[in-house]
């Protein structure tokens, strides 16, 4: 696991604040993040109609880590700020060609995030 100092925009003040980019998030870090987010997410989802739920609302990061965590083609990243995980990202490095109509004929590589 590597940690790099980065800056992210604070959602309320719009000022840049120090954060940490974590390359190689462990399953334990993913579990802790999901545990801390779950209560907030549940409260949010109670107030919002189902058709407006965020796509990632039902993601199970522990299950994703168990499925992809040991495969060389996948990488887990996280952003930590204020001692708390603010976001997780699963990156697939398996080369796919673009499905976008204007790029199909060029068979451009595409990276899934």
PDB file of N, CA and C in Angstrom:
ATOM      1  N   UNK A   1       0.851  -1.171   0.000  1.00  0.00           N
ATOM      2  CA  UNK A   1       0.000   0.000   0.000  1.00  0.00           C
ATOM      3  C   UNK A   1       0.895   1.232   0.000  1.00  0.00           C
ATOM      4  N   UNK A   2       0.544   2.162  -0.859  1.00  0.00           N
ATOM      5  CA  UNK A   2       1.264   3.434  -0.909  1.00  0.00           C
ATOM      6  C   UNK A   2       0.311   4.550  -0.552  1.00  0.00           C
ATOM      7  N   UNK A   3       0.843   5.536   0.160  1.00  0.00           N
ATOM      8  CA  UNK A   3       0.056   6.711   0.499  1.00  0.00           C
ATOM      9  C   UNK A   3       0.736   7.932  -0.100  1.00  0.00           C
ATOM     10  N   UNK A   4      -0.074   8.787  -0.716  1.00  0.00           N
ATOM     11  CA  UNK A   4       0.437  10.009  -1.323  1.00  0.00           C
ATOM     12  C   UNK A   4      -0.381  11.183  -0.823  1.00  0.00           C
ATOM     13  N   UNK A   5       0.309  12.276  -0.527  1.00  0.00           N
ATOM     14  CA  UNK A   5      -0.374  13.496  -0.107  1.00  0.00           C
ATOM     15  C   UNK A   5      -1.030  14.138  -1.325  1.00  0.00           C
ATOM     16  N   UNK A   6      -2.302  14.473  -1.184  1.00  0.00           N
ATOM     17  CA  UNK A   6      -3.060  15.161  -2.235  1.00  0.00           C
ATOM     18  C   UNK A   6      -3.898  16.245  -1.570  1.00  0.00           C
ATOM     19  N   UNK A   7      -4.593  17.002  -2.371  1.00  0.00           N
ATOM     20  CA  UNK A   7      -5.528  18.004  -1.856  1.00  0.00           C
ATOM     21  C   UNK A   7      -6.864  17.774  -2.542  1.00  0.00           C
ATOM     22  N   UNK A   8      -7.936  17.902  -1.772  1.00  0.00           N
ATOM     23  CA  UNK A   8      -9.275  17.759  -2.330  1.00  0.00           C
ATOM     24  C   UNK A   8     -10.097  18.987  -1.941  1.00  0.00           C
ATOM     25  N   UNK A   9     -11.177  19.202  -2.674  1.00  0.00           N
ATOM     26  CA  UNK A   9     -12.030  20.347  -2.399  1.00  0.00           C
ATOM     27  C   UNK A   9     -13.024  20.006  -1.302  1.00  0.00           C
ATOM     28  N   UNK A  10     -13.063  20.854  -0.280  1.00  0.00           N
ATOM     29  CA  UNK A  10     -14.028  20.689   0.805  1.00  0.00           C
ATOM     30  C   UNK A  10     -15.412  21.035   0.254  1.00  0.00           C
ATOM     31  N   UNK A  11     -16.394  20.161   0.469  1.00  0.00           N
ATOM     32  CA  UNK A  11     -17.720  20.329  -0.152  1.00  0.00           C
ATOM     33  C   UNK A  11     -18.465  21.571   0.311  1.00  0.00           C
ATOM     34  N   UNK A  12     -18.230  22.047   1.510  1.00  0.00           N
ATOM     35  CA  UNK A  12     -18.961  23.223   2.000  1.00  0.00           C
ATOM     36  C   UNK A  12     -18.213  24.531   1.734  1.00  0.00           C
ATOM     37  N   UNK A  13     -16.892  24.522   1.952  1.00  0.00           N
ATOM     38  CA  UNK A  13     -16.132  25.770   1.814  1.00  0.00           C
ATOM     39  C   UNK A  13     -15.534  25.943   0.420  1.00  0.00           C
ATOM     40  N   UNK A  14     -15.464  24.854  -0.338  1.00  0.00           N
ATOM     41  CA  UNK A  14     -14.860  24.836  -1.667  1.00  0.00           C
ATOM     42  C   UNK A  14     -13.370  25.179  -1.638  1.00  0.00           C
ATOM     43  N   UNK A  15     -12.764  25.093  -0.463  1.00  0.00           N
ATOM     44  CA  UNK A  15     -11.327  25.313  -0.335  1.00  0.00           C
ATOM     45  C   UNK A  15     -10.608  23.969  -0.432  1.00  0.00           C
ATOM     46  N   UNK A  16      -9.374  24.002  -0.934  1.00  0.00           N
ATOM     47  CA  UNK A  16      -8.577  22.786  -1.002  1.00  0.00           C
ATOM     48  C   UNK A  16      -8.059  22.440   0.386  1.00  0.00           C
ATOM     49  N   UNK A  17      -8.209  21.170   0.744  1.00  0.00           N
ATOM     50  CA  UNK A  17      -7.749  20.689   2.049  1.00  0.00           C
ATOM     51  C   UNK A  17      -6.832  19.481   1.843  1.00  0.00           C
ATOM     52  N   UNK A  18      -5.894  19.253   2.769  1.00  0.00           N
ATOM     53  CA  UNK A  18      -4.997  18.108   2.623  1.00  0.00           C
ATOM     54  C   UNK A  18      -5.753  16.784   2.766  1.00  0.00           C
ATOM     55  N   UNK A  19      -5.342  15.817   1.965  1.00  0.00           N
ATOM     56  CA  UNK A  19      -5.935  14.474   2.011  1.00  0.00           C
ATOM     57  C   UNK A  19      -4.846  13.462   1.644  1.00  0.00           C
ATOM     58  N   UNK A  20      -5.210  12.202   1.685  1.00  0.00           N
ATOM     59  CA  UNK A  20      -4.275  11.131   1.359  1.00  0.00           C
ATOM     60  C   UNK A  20      -4.894  10.219   0.313  1.00  0.00           C
ATOM     61  N   UNK A  21      -4.162   9.980  -0.758  1.00  0.00           N
ATOM     62  CA  UNK A  21      -4.560   9.004  -1.764  1.00  0.00           C
ATOM     63  C   UNK A  21      -3.912   7.681  -1.385  1.00  0.00           C
ATOM     64  N   UNK A  22      -4.739   6.650  -1.222  1.00  0.00           N
ATOM     65  CA  UNK A  22      -4.242   5.330  -0.829  1.00  0.00           C
ATOM     66  C   UNK A  22      -4.321   4.407  -2.030  1.00  0.00           C
ATOM     67  N   UNK A  23      -3.191   3.895  -2.434  1.00  0.00           N
ATOM     68  CA  UNK A  23      -3.105   2.931  -3.528  1.00  0.00           C
ATOM     69  C   UNK A  23      -2.978   1.548  -2.911  1.00  0.00           C
ATOM     70  N   UNK A  24      -3.927   0.680  -3.203  1.00  0.00           N
ATOM     71  CA  UNK A  24      -3.894  -0.654  -2.619  1.00  0.00           C
ATOM     72  C   UNK A  24      -4.681  -0.735  -1.330  1.00  0.00           C
ATOM     73  N   UNK A  25      -5.911  -0.217  -1.346  1.00  0.00           N
ATOM     74  CA  UNK A  25      -6.786  -0.273  -0.172  1.00  0.00           C
ATOM     75  C   UNK A  25      -6.989  -1.729   0.226  1.00  0.00           C
ATOM     76  N   UNK A  26      -6.834  -2.012   1.510  1.00  0.00           N
ATOM     77  CA  UNK A  26      -6.999  -3.375   2.013  1.00  0.00           C
ATOM     78  C   UNK A  26      -8.483  -3.694   2.205  1.00  0.00           C
ATOM     79  N   UNK A  27      -8.775  -4.960   2.342  1.00  0.00           N
ATOM     80  CA  UNK A  27     -10.166  -5.354   2.575  1.00  0.00           C
ATOM     81  C   UNK A  27     -10.658  -4.768   3.900  1.00  0.00           C
ATOM     82  N   UNK A  28      -9.787  -4.686   4.889  1.00  0.00           N
ATOM     83  CA  UNK A  28     -10.174  -4.130   6.193  1.00  0.00           C
ATOM     84  C   UNK A  28     -10.537  -2.652   6.055  1.00  0.00           C
ATOM     85  N   UNK A  29      -9.749  -1.900   5.288  1.00  0.00           N
ATOM     86  CA  UNK A  29     -10.059  -0.484   5.069  1.00  0.00           C
ATOM     87  C   UNK A  29     -11.393  -0.328   4.338  1.00  0.00           C
ATOM     88  N   UNK A  30     -11.653  -1.189   3.374  1.00  0.00           N
ATOM     89  CA  UNK A  30     -12.921  -1.146   2.645  1.00  0.00           C
ATOM     90  C   UNK A  30     -14.091  -1.476   3.578  1.00  0.00           C
ATOM     91  N   UNK A  31     -13.902  -2.461   4.443  1.00  0.00           N
ATOM     92  CA  UNK A  31     -14.947  -2.831   5.397  1.00  0.00           C
ATOM     93  C   UNK A  31     -15.261  -1.678   6.354  1.00  0.00           C
ATOM     94  N   UNK A  32     -14.214  -1.044   6.867  1.00  0.00           N
ATOM     95  CA  UNK A  32     -14.409   0.069   7.800  1.00  0.00           C
ATOM     96  C   UNK A  32     -15.109   1.241   7.124  1.00  0.00           C
ATOM     97  N   UNK A  33     -14.704   1.545   5.899  1.00  0.00           N
ATOM     98  CA  UNK A  33     -15.344   2.639   5.162  1.00  0.00           C
ATOM     99  C   UNK A  33     -16.820   2.333   4.956  1.00  0.00           C
ATOM    100  N   UNK A  34     -17.126   1.122   4.530  1.00  0.00           N
ATOM    101  CA  UNK A  34     -18.519   0.751   4.282  1.00  0.00           C
ATOM    102  C   UNK A  34     -19.328   0.790   5.579  1.00  0.00           C
ATOM    103  N   UNK A  35     -18.745   0.353   6.662  1.00  0.00           N
ATOM    104  CA  UNK A  35     -19.433   0.386   7.956  1.00  0.00           C
ATOM    105  C   UNK A  35     -19.779   1.829   8.338  1.00  0.00           C
ATOM    106  N   UNK A  36     -18.815   2.743   8.214  1.00  0.00           N
ATOM    107  CA  UNK A  36     -19.042   4.139   8.594  1.00  0.00           C
ATOM    108  C   UNK A  36     -20.021   4.829   7.653  1.00  0.00           C
ATOM    109  N   UNK A  37     -19.987   4.480   6.379  1.00  0.00           N
ATOM    110  CA  UNK A  37     -20.893   5.099   5.414  1.00  0.00           C
ATOM    111  C   UNK A  37     -22.310   4.563   5.525  1.00  0.00           C
ATOM    112  N   UNK A  38     -22.471   3.328   5.977  1.00  0.00           N
ATOM    113  CA  UNK A  38     -23.777   2.661   5.916  1.00  0.00           C
ATOM    114  C   UNK A  38     -24.862   3.414   6.664  1.00  0.00           C
ATOM    115  N   UNK A  39     -24.551   3.932   7.841  1.00  0.00           N
ATOM    116  CA  UNK A  39     -25.580   4.639   8.622  1.00  0.00           C
ATOM    117  C   UNK A  39     -26.026   5.916   7.916  1.00  0.00           C
ATOM    118  N   UNK A  40     -25.066   6.665   7.395  1.00  0.00           N
ATOM    119  CA  UNK A  40     -25.389   7.899   6.685  1.00  0.00           C
ATOM    120  C   UNK A  40     -26.170   7.591   5.419  1.00  0.00           C
ATOM    121  N   UNK A  41     -25.744   6.570   4.693  1.00  0.00           N
ATOM    122  CA  UNK A  41     -26.412   6.189   3.452  1.00  0.00           C
ATOM    123  C   UNK A  41     -27.845   5.737   3.716  1.00  0.00           C
ATOM    124  N   UNK A  42     -28.047   4.943   4.760  1.00  0.00           N
ATOM    125  CA  UNK A  42     -29.398   4.478   5.088  1.00  0.00           C
ATOM    126  C   UNK A  42     -30.330   5.650   5.381  1.00  0.00           C
ATOM    127  N   UNK A  43     -29.848   6.627   6.149  1.00  0.00           N
ATOM    128  CA  UNK A  43     -30.666   7.807   6.463  1.00  0.00           C
ATOM    129  C   UNK A  43     -30.994   8.585   5.193  1.00  0.00           C
ATOM    130  N   UNK A  44     -30.022   8.723   4.309  1.00  0.00           N
ATOM    131  CA  UNK A  44     -30.225   9.436   3.046  1.00  0.00           C
ATOM    132  C   UNK A  44     -31.261   8.714   2.190  1.00  0.00           C
ATOM    133  N   UNK A  45     -31.128   7.398   2.047  1.00  0.00           N
ATOM    134  CA  UNK A  45     -32.014   6.629   1.181  1.00  0.00           C
ATOM    135  C   UNK A  45     -33.454   6.610   1.684  1.00  0.00           C
ATOM    136  N   UNK A  46     -33.642   6.745   3.001  1.00  0.00           N
ATOM    137  CA  UNK A  46     -34.998   6.803   3.557  1.00  0.00           C
ATOM    138  C   UNK A  46     -35.752   8.032   3.066  1.00  0.00           C
ATOM    139  N   UNK A  47     -35.028   9.107   2.771  1.00  0.00           N
ATOM    140  CA  UNK A  47     -35.641  10.386   2.409  1.00  0.00           C
ATOM    141  C   UNK A  47     -35.764  10.592   0.907  1.00  0.00           C
ATOM    142  N   UNK A  48     -35.156   9.722   0.128  1.00  0.00           N
ATOM    143  CA  UNK A  48     -35.076   9.935  -1.322  1.00  0.00           C
ATOM    144  C   UNK A  48     -35.853   8.844  -2.052  1.00  0.00           C
ATOM    145  N   UNK A  49     -36.650   9.207  -3.065  1.00  0.00           N
ATOM    146  CA  UNK A  49     -37.353   8.179  -3.847  1.00  0.00           C
ATOM    147  C   UNK A  49     -36.349   7.218  -4.504  1.00  0.00           C
ATOM    148  N   UNK A  50     -36.722   5.970  -4.626  1.00  0.00           N
ATOM    149  CA  UNK A  50     -35.819   4.935  -5.140  1.00  0.00           C
ATOM    150  C   UNK A  50     -35.213   5.290  -6.502  1.00  0.00           C
ATOM    151  N   UNK A  51     -35.984   5.924  -7.364  1.00  0.00           N
ATOM    152  CA  UNK A  51     -35.470   6.260  -8.698  1.00  0.00           C
ATOM    153  C   UNK A  51     -34.364   7.317  -8.645  1.00  0.00           C
ATOM    154  N   UNK A  52     -34.198   7.970  -7.499  1.00  0.00           N
ATOM    155  CA  UNK A  52     -33.146   8.984  -7.354  1.00  0.00           C
ATOM    156  C   UNK A  52     -31.968   8.495  -6.510  1.00  0.00           C
ATOM    157  N   UNK A  53     -31.974   7.211  -6.161  1.00  0.00           N
ATOM    158  CA  UNK A  53     -30.855   6.664  -5.394  1.00  0.00           C
ATOM    159  C   UNK A  53     -29.579   6.717  -6.224  1.00  0.00           C
ATOM    160  N   UNK A  54     -28.450   6.979  -5.592  1.00  0.00           N
ATOM    161  CA  UNK A  54     -27.190   6.965  -6.337  1.00  0.00           C
ATOM    162  C   UNK A  54     -26.863   5.543  -6.804  1.00  0.00           C
ATOM    163  N   UNK A  55     -26.233   5.442  -7.960  1.00  0.00           N
ATOM    164  CA  UNK A  55     -25.890   4.135  -8.526  1.00  0.00           C
ATOM    165  C   UNK A  55     -25.049   3.301  -7.554  1.00  0.00           C
ATOM    166  N   UNK A  56     -24.158   3.961  -6.861  1.00  0.00           N
ATOM    167  CA  UNK A  56     -23.231   3.252  -5.970  1.00  0.00           C
ATOM    168  C   UNK A  56     -23.834   2.930  -4.606  1.00  0.00           C
ATOM    169  N   UNK A  57     -25.077   3.318  -4.371  1.00  0.00           N
ATOM    170  CA  UNK A  57     -25.697   3.147  -3.068  1.00  0.00           C
ATOM    171  C   UNK A  57     -25.743   1.716  -2.571  1.00  0.00           C
ATOM    172  N   UNK A  58     -25.828   0.760  -3.453  1.00  0.00           N
ATOM    173  CA  UNK A  58     -25.913  -0.634  -3.046  1.00  0.00           C
ATOM    174  C   UNK A  58     -24.617  -1.420  -3.196  1.00  0.00           C
ATOM    175  N   UNK A  59     -23.527  -0.719  -3.478  1.00  0.00           N
ATOM    176  CA  UNK A  59     -22.263  -1.431  -3.678  1.00  0.00           C
ATOM    177  C   UNK A  59     -21.788  -2.057  -2.374  1.00  0.00           C
ATOM    178  N   UNK A  60     -21.327  -3.268  -2.468  1.00  0.00           N
ATOM    179  CA  UNK A  60     -20.778  -3.996  -1.332  1.00  0.00           C
ATOM    180  C   UNK A  60     -19.265  -4.072  -1.540  1.00  0.00           C
ATOM    181  N   UNK A  61     -18.541  -3.153  -0.913  1.00  0.00           N
ATOM    182  CA  UNK A  61     -17.098  -3.058  -1.135  1.00  0.00           C
ATOM    183  C   UNK A  61     -16.348  -4.277  -0.609  1.00  0.00           C
ATOM    184  N   UNK A  62     -16.836  -4.894   0.439  1.00  0.00           N
ATOM    185  CA  UNK A  62     -16.196  -6.107   0.947  1.00  0.00           C
ATOM    186  C   UNK A  62     -16.294  -7.218  -0.096  1.00  0.00           C
ATOM    187  N   UNK A  63     -17.479  -7.402  -0.677  1.00  0.00           N
ATOM    188  CA  UNK A  63     -17.670  -8.436  -1.703  1.00  0.00           C
ATOM    189  C   UNK A  63     -16.826  -8.136  -2.934  1.00  0.00           C
ATOM    190  N   UNK A  64     -16.757  -6.856  -3.334  1.00  0.00           N
ATOM    191  CA  UNK A  64     -15.927  -6.487  -4.483  1.00  0.00           C
ATOM    192  C   UNK A  64     -14.460  -6.805  -4.211  1.00  0.00           C
ATOM    193  N   UNK A  65     -14.012  -6.521  -3.002  1.00  0.00           N
ATOM    194  CA  UNK A  65     -12.610  -6.778  -2.653  1.00  0.00           C
ATOM    195  C   UNK A  65     -12.328  -8.284  -2.661  1.00  0.00           C
ATOM    196  N   UNK A  66     -13.258  -9.068  -2.135  1.00  0.00           N
ATOM    197  CA  UNK A  66     -13.067 -10.522  -2.132  1.00  0.00           C
ATOM    198  C   UNK A  66     -13.024 -11.063  -3.552  1.00  0.00           C
ATOM    199  N   UNK A  67     -13.832 -10.500  -4.451  1.00  0.00           N
ATOM    200  CA  UNK A  67     -13.896 -10.978  -5.831  1.00  0.00           C
ATOM    201  C   UNK A  67     -12.686 -10.537  -6.655  1.00  0.00           C
ATOM    202  N   UNK A  68     -12.268  -9.274  -6.494  1.00  0.00           N
ATOM    203  CA  UNK A  68     -11.243  -8.716  -7.372  1.00  0.00           C
ATOM    204  C   UNK A  68      -9.909  -8.413  -6.692  1.00  0.00           C
ATOM    205  N   UNK A  69      -9.864  -8.441  -5.376  1.00  0.00           N
ATOM    206  CA  UNK A  69      -8.697  -7.989  -4.631  1.00  0.00           C
ATOM    207  C   UNK A  69      -7.393  -8.700  -4.933  1.00  0.00           C
ATOM    208  N   UNK A  70      -7.446  -9.934  -5.325  1.00  0.00           N
ATOM    209  CA  UNK A  70      -6.206 -10.689  -5.594  1.00  0.00           C
ATOM    210  C   UNK A  70      -5.891 -10.786  -7.087  1.00  0.00           C
ATOM    211  N   UNK A  71      -6.709 -10.189  -7.920  1.00  0.00           N
ATOM    212  CA  UNK A  71      -6.484 -10.244  -9.363  1.00  0.00           C
ATOM    213  C   UNK A  71      -5.608  -9.075  -9.796  1.00  0.00           C
ATOM    214  N   UNK A  72      -4.561  -9.373 -10.536  1.00  0.00           N
ATOM    215  CA  UNK A  72      -3.578  -8.360 -10.927  1.00  0.00           C
ATOM    216  C   UNK A  72      -4.169  -7.252 -11.787  1.00  0.00           C
ATOM    217  N   UNK A  73      -5.251  -7.515 -12.480  1.00  0.00           N
ATOM    218  CA  UNK A  73      -5.839  -6.524 -13.392  1.00  0.00           C
ATOM    219  C   UNK A  73      -6.698  -5.482 -12.678  1.00  0.00           C
ATOM    220  N   UNK A  74      -6.867  -5.607 -11.372  1.00  0.00           N
ATOM    221  CA  UNK A  74      -7.726  -4.682 -10.630  1.00  0.00           C
ATOM    222  C   UNK A  74      -6.943  -4.018  -9.512  1.00  0.00           C
ATOM    223  N   UNK A  75      -7.253  -2.746  -9.284  1.00  0.00           N
ATOM    224  CA  UNK A  75      -6.607  -1.965  -8.230  1.00  0.00           C
ATOM    225  C   UNK A  75      -7.680  -1.239  -7.423  1.00  0.00           C
ATOM    226  N   UNK A  76      -7.479  -1.195  -6.117  1.00  0.00           N
ATOM    227  CA  UNK A  76      -8.368  -0.453  -5.226  1.00  0.00           C
ATOM    228  C   UNK A  76      -7.654   0.799  -4.734  1.00  0.00           C
ATOM    229  N   UNK A  77      -8.358   1.926  -4.814  1.00  0.00           N
ATOM    230  CA  UNK A  77      -7.833   3.201  -4.346  1.00  0.00           C
ATOM    231  C   UNK A  77      -8.820   3.822  -3.376  1.00  0.00           C
ATOM    232  N   UNK A  78      -8.297   4.663  -2.506  1.00  0.00           N
ATOM    233  CA  UNK A  78      -9.148   5.387  -1.576  1.00  0.00           C
ATOM    234  C   UNK A  78      -8.638   6.791  -1.358  1.00  0.00           C
ATOM    235  N   UNK A  79      -9.532   7.669  -0.947  1.00  0.00           N
ATOM    236  CA  UNK A  79      -9.179   9.039  -0.555  1.00  0.00           C
ATOM    237  C   UNK A  79      -9.560   9.179   0.916  1.00  0.00           C
ATOM    238  N   UNK A  80      -8.580   9.545   1.710  1.00  0.00           N
ATOM    239  CA  UNK A  80      -8.788   9.719   3.141  1.00  0.00           C
ATOM    240  C   UNK A  80      -8.572  11.189   3.491  1.00  0.00           C
ATOM    241  N   UNK A  81      -9.462  11.726   4.308  1.00  0.00           N
ATOM    242  CA  UNK A  81      -9.341  13.117   4.745  1.00  0.00           C
ATOM    243  C   UNK A  81      -9.886  13.188   6.165  1.00  0.00           C
ATOM    244  N   UNK A  82      -9.170  13.863   7.032  1.00  0.00           N
ATOM    245  CA  UNK A  82      -9.634  13.963   8.418  1.00  0.00           C
ATOM    246  C   UNK A  82      -9.724  12.612   9.086  1.00  0.00           C
ATOM    247  N   UNK A  83      -8.778  11.727   8.779  1.00  0.00           N
ATOM    248  CA  UNK A  83      -8.732  10.382   9.379  1.00  0.00           C
ATOM    249  C   UNK A  83      -9.885   9.475   8.954  1.00  0.00           C
ATOM    250  N   UNK A  84     -10.682   9.893   7.951  1.00  0.00           N
ATOM    251  CA  UNK A  84     -11.809   9.071   7.499  1.00  0.00           C
ATOM    252  C   UNK A  84     -11.736   8.864   5.995  1.00  0.00           C
ATOM    253  N   UNK A  85     -12.121   7.675   5.572  1.00  0.00           N
ATOM    254  CA  UNK A  85     -12.170   7.364   4.147  1.00  0.00           C
ATOM    255  C   UNK A  85     -13.326   8.146   3.528  1.00  0.00           C
ATOM    256  N   UNK A  86     -13.021   8.926   2.504  1.00  0.00           N
ATOM    257  CA  UNK A  86     -14.024   9.757   1.853  1.00  0.00           C
ATOM    258  C   UNK A  86     -14.542   9.148   0.554  1.00  0.00           C
ATOM    259  N   UNK A  87     -13.784   8.216  -0.008  1.00  0.00           N
ATOM    260  CA  UNK A  87     -14.215   7.602  -1.254  1.00  0.00           C
ATOM    261  C   UNK A  87     -13.362   6.403  -1.599  1.00  0.00           C
ATOM    262  N   UNK A  88     -13.945   5.448  -2.300  1.00  0.00           N
ATOM    263  CA  UNK A  88     -13.237   4.265  -2.782  1.00  0.00           C
ATOM    264  C   UNK A  88     -13.409   4.170  -4.284  1.00  0.00           C
ATOM    265  N   UNK A  89     -12.427   3.550  -4.936  1.00  0.00           N
ATOM    266  CA  UNK A  89     -12.463   3.405  -6.382  1.00  0.00           C
ATOM    267  C   UNK A  89     -11.872   2.047  -6.742  1.00  0.00           C
ATOM    268  N   UNK A  90     -12.548   1.333  -7.612  1.00  0.00           N
ATOM    269  CA  UNK A  90     -12.047   0.072  -8.155  1.00  0.00           C
ATOM    270  C   UNK A  90     -11.684   0.327  -9.602  1.00  0.00           C
ATOM    271  N   UNK A  91     -10.430   0.108  -9.937  1.00  0.00           N
ATOM    272  CA  UNK A  91      -9.922   0.375 -11.276  1.00  0.00           C
ATOM    273  C   UNK A  91      -9.619  -0.945 -11.979  1.00  0.00           C
ATOM    274  N   UNK A  92     -10.181  -1.126 -13.160  1.00  0.00           N
ATOM    275  CA  UNK A  92      -9.894  -2.298 -13.983  1.00  0.00           C
ATOM    276  C   UNK A  92      -8.901  -1.898 -15.057  1.00  0.00           C
ATOM    277  N   UNK A  93      -7.784  -2.616 -15.136  1.00  0.00           N
ATOM    278  CA  UNK A  93      -6.776  -2.321 -16.154  1.00  0.00           C
ATOM    279  C   UNK A  93      -6.877  -3.271 -17.347  1.00  0.00           C
ATOM    280  N   UNK A  94      -7.940  -4.058 -17.396  1.00  0.00           N
ATOM    281  CA  UNK A  94      -8.161  -4.951 -18.537  1.00  0.00           C
ATOM    282  C   UNK A  94      -8.535  -4.086 -19.723  1.00  0.00           C
ATOM    283  N   UNK A  95      -7.793  -4.230 -20.788  1.00  0.00           N
ATOM    284  CA  UNK A  95      -8.034  -3.400 -21.962  1.00  0.00           C
ATOM    285  C   UNK A  95      -9.331  -3.785 -22.654  1.00  0.00           C
ATOM    286  N   UNK A  96     -10.163  -2.804 -22.822  1.00  0.00           N
ATOM    287  CA  UNK A  96     -11.416  -2.938 -23.568  1.00  0.00           C
ATOM    288  C   UNK A  96     -11.348  -1.903 -24.684  1.00  0.00           C
ATOM    289  N   UNK A  97     -12.086  -2.113 -25.722  1.00  0.00           N
ATOM    290  CA  UNK A  97     -12.164  -1.062 -26.730  1.00  0.00           C
ATOM    291  C   UNK A  97     -13.403  -0.228 -26.465  1.00  0.00           C
ATOM    292  N   UNK A  98     -13.326   1.021 -26.847  1.00  0.00           N
ATOM    293  CA  UNK A  98     -14.395   1.967 -26.579  1.00  0.00           C
ATOM    294  C   UNK A  98     -15.698   1.527 -27.241  1.00  0.00           C
ATOM    295  N   UNK A  99     -16.802   1.759 -26.542  1.00  0.00           N
ATOM    296  CA  UNK A  99     -18.124   1.457 -27.087  1.00  0.00           C
ATOM    297  C   UNK A  99     -18.808   2.720 -27.587  1.00  0.00           C
ATOM    298  N   UNK A 100     -18.141   3.848 -27.444  1.00  0.00           N
ATOM    299  CA  UNK A 100     -18.714   5.117 -27.890  1.00  0.00           C
ATOM    300  C   UNK A 100     -18.743   5.135 -29.410  1.00  0.00           C
ATOM    301  N   UNK A 101     -19.895   5.465 -29.949  1.00  0.00           N
ATOM    302  CA  UNK A 101     -20.118   5.397 -31.396  1.00  0.00           C
ATOM    303  C   UNK A 101     -19.030   6.104 -32.195  1.00  0.00           C
ATOM    304  N   UNK A 102     -18.670   7.299 -31.791  1.00  0.00           N
ATOM    305  CA  UNK A 102     -17.703   8.079 -32.564  1.00  0.00           C
ATOM    306  C   UNK A 102     -16.276   7.528 -32.470  1.00  0.00           C
ATOM    307  N   UNK A 103     -16.031   6.598 -31.545  1.00  0.00           N
ATOM    308  CA  UNK A 103     -14.682   6.066 -31.377  1.00  0.00           C
ATOM    309  C   UNK A 103     -14.555   4.604 -31.807  1.00  0.00           C
ATOM    310  N   UNK A 104     -15.670   3.975 -32.184  1.00  0.00           N
ATOM    311  CA  UNK A 104     -15.648   2.548 -32.514  1.00  0.00           C
ATOM    312  C   UNK A 104     -14.693   2.222 -33.653  1.00  0.00           C
ATOM    313  N   UNK A 105     -14.724   3.026 -34.709  1.00  0.00           N
ATOM    314  CA  UNK A 105     -13.901   2.687 -35.869  1.00  0.00           C
ATOM    315  C   UNK A 105     -12.406   2.771 -35.567  1.00  0.00           C
ATOM    316  N   UNK A 106     -12.008   3.552 -34.570  1.00  0.00           N
ATOM    317  CA  UNK A 106     -10.590   3.680 -34.222  1.00  0.00           C
ATOM    318  C   UNK A 106     -10.134   2.614 -33.225  1.00  0.00           C
ATOM    319  N   UNK A 107     -11.094   1.874 -32.654  1.00  0.00           N
ATOM    320  CA  UNK A 107     -10.812   0.834 -31.662  1.00  0.00           C
ATOM    321  C   UNK A 107      -9.893   1.353 -30.552  1.00  0.00           C
ATOM    322  N   UNK A 108     -10.253   2.502 -30.022  1.00  0.00           N
ATOM    323  CA  UNK A 108      -9.450   3.134 -28.972  1.00  0.00           C
ATOM    324  C   UNK A 108      -9.575   2.348 -27.664  1.00  0.00           C
ATOM    325  N   UNK A 109      -8.480   2.223 -26.941  1.00  0.00           N
ATOM    326  CA  UNK A 109      -8.554   1.524 -25.645  1.00  0.00           C
ATOM    327  C   UNK A 109      -9.359   2.335 -24.650  1.00  0.00           C
ATOM    328  N   UNK A 110      -9.951   1.636 -23.706  1.00  0.00           N
ATOM    329  CA  UNK A 110     -10.808   2.276 -22.713  1.00  0.00           C
ATOM    330  C   UNK A 110     -10.444   1.729 -21.352  1.00  0.00           C
ATOM    331  N   UNK A 111     -10.418   2.575 -20.336  1.00  0.00           N
ATOM    332  CA  UNK A 111     -10.093   2.180 -18.973  1.00  0.00           C
ATOM    333  C   UNK A 111     -11.357   2.314 -18.141  1.00  0.00           C
ATOM    334  N   UNK A 112     -11.759   1.245 -17.441  1.00  0.00           N
ATOM    335  CA  UNK A 112     -12.956   1.281 -16.610  1.00  0.00           C
ATOM    336  C   UNK A 112     -12.601   1.705 -15.197  1.00  0.00           C
ATOM    337  N   UNK A 113     -13.344   2.702 -14.680  1.00  0.00           N
ATOM    338  CA  UNK A 113     -13.139   3.163 -13.308  1.00  0.00           C
ATOM    339  C   UNK A 113     -14.471   3.068 -12.594  1.00  0.00           C
TER     340      UNK A 113
END
